[in-house]
Protein backbone atom coordinates (compact mmCIF):
# COMPACT_ATOMS: atom_id res chain seq x y z
CA UNK A 1 46.60 -24.24 -22.33
CA UNK A 2 42.86 -24.04 -22.59
CA UNK A 3 40.88 -24.60 -19.43
CA UNK A 4 37.46 -26.14 -19.50
CA UNK A 5 34.82 -23.62 -18.43
CA UNK A 6 31.79 -25.89 -18.45
CA UNK A 7 31.27 -27.74 -15.19
CA UNK A 8 28.40 -29.89 -16.30
CA UNK A 9 25.52 -27.69 -15.26
CA UNK A 10 22.78 -27.22 -17.79
CA UNK A 11 22.69 -23.44 -18.07
CA UNK A 12 26.34 -22.46 -17.38
CA UNK A 13 25.44 -19.54 -15.14
CA UNK A 14 27.88 -18.06 -12.68
CA UNK A 15 27.53 -18.50 -8.95
CA UNK A 16 26.54 -14.84 -8.56
CA UNK A 17 23.73 -15.30 -11.07
CA UNK A 18 22.41 -18.34 -9.21
CA UNK A 19 22.57 -16.39 -5.93
CA UNK A 20 20.54 -13.52 -7.39
CA UNK A 21 17.96 -15.91 -8.85
CA UNK A 22 17.65 -17.71 -5.52
CA UNK A 23 17.28 -14.43 -3.62
CA UNK A 24 14.57 -13.22 -5.99
CA UNK A 25 12.67 -16.51 -5.71
CA UNK A 26 12.85 -16.42 -1.93
CA UNK A 27 11.68 -12.80 -1.90
CA UNK A 28 8.78 -13.78 -4.15
CA UNK A 29 7.82 -16.61 -1.81
CA UNK A 30 7.90 -14.24 1.17
CA UNK A 31 5.85 -11.69 -0.78
CA UNK A 32 3.32 -14.37 -1.74
CA UNK A 33 3.00 -15.19 1.99
CA UNK A 34 4.23 -18.76 1.63
CA UNK A 35 6.42 -18.27 4.68
CA UNK A 36 4.16 -16.93 7.42
CA UNK A 37 6.85 -16.11 9.97
CA UNK A 38 10.55 -15.95 9.32
CA UNK A 39 12.57 -16.17 12.56
CA UNK A 40 15.02 -13.32 12.09
């Protein structure tokens, strides 16, 4: 039985890949001083 891998997203990237991309983008925004103060 073949299972369907594609879930309809355009790039078919894994959840871990999306998490890394999101983390890098957020780090870039912090580095570019878009977020002045992060409450942590």
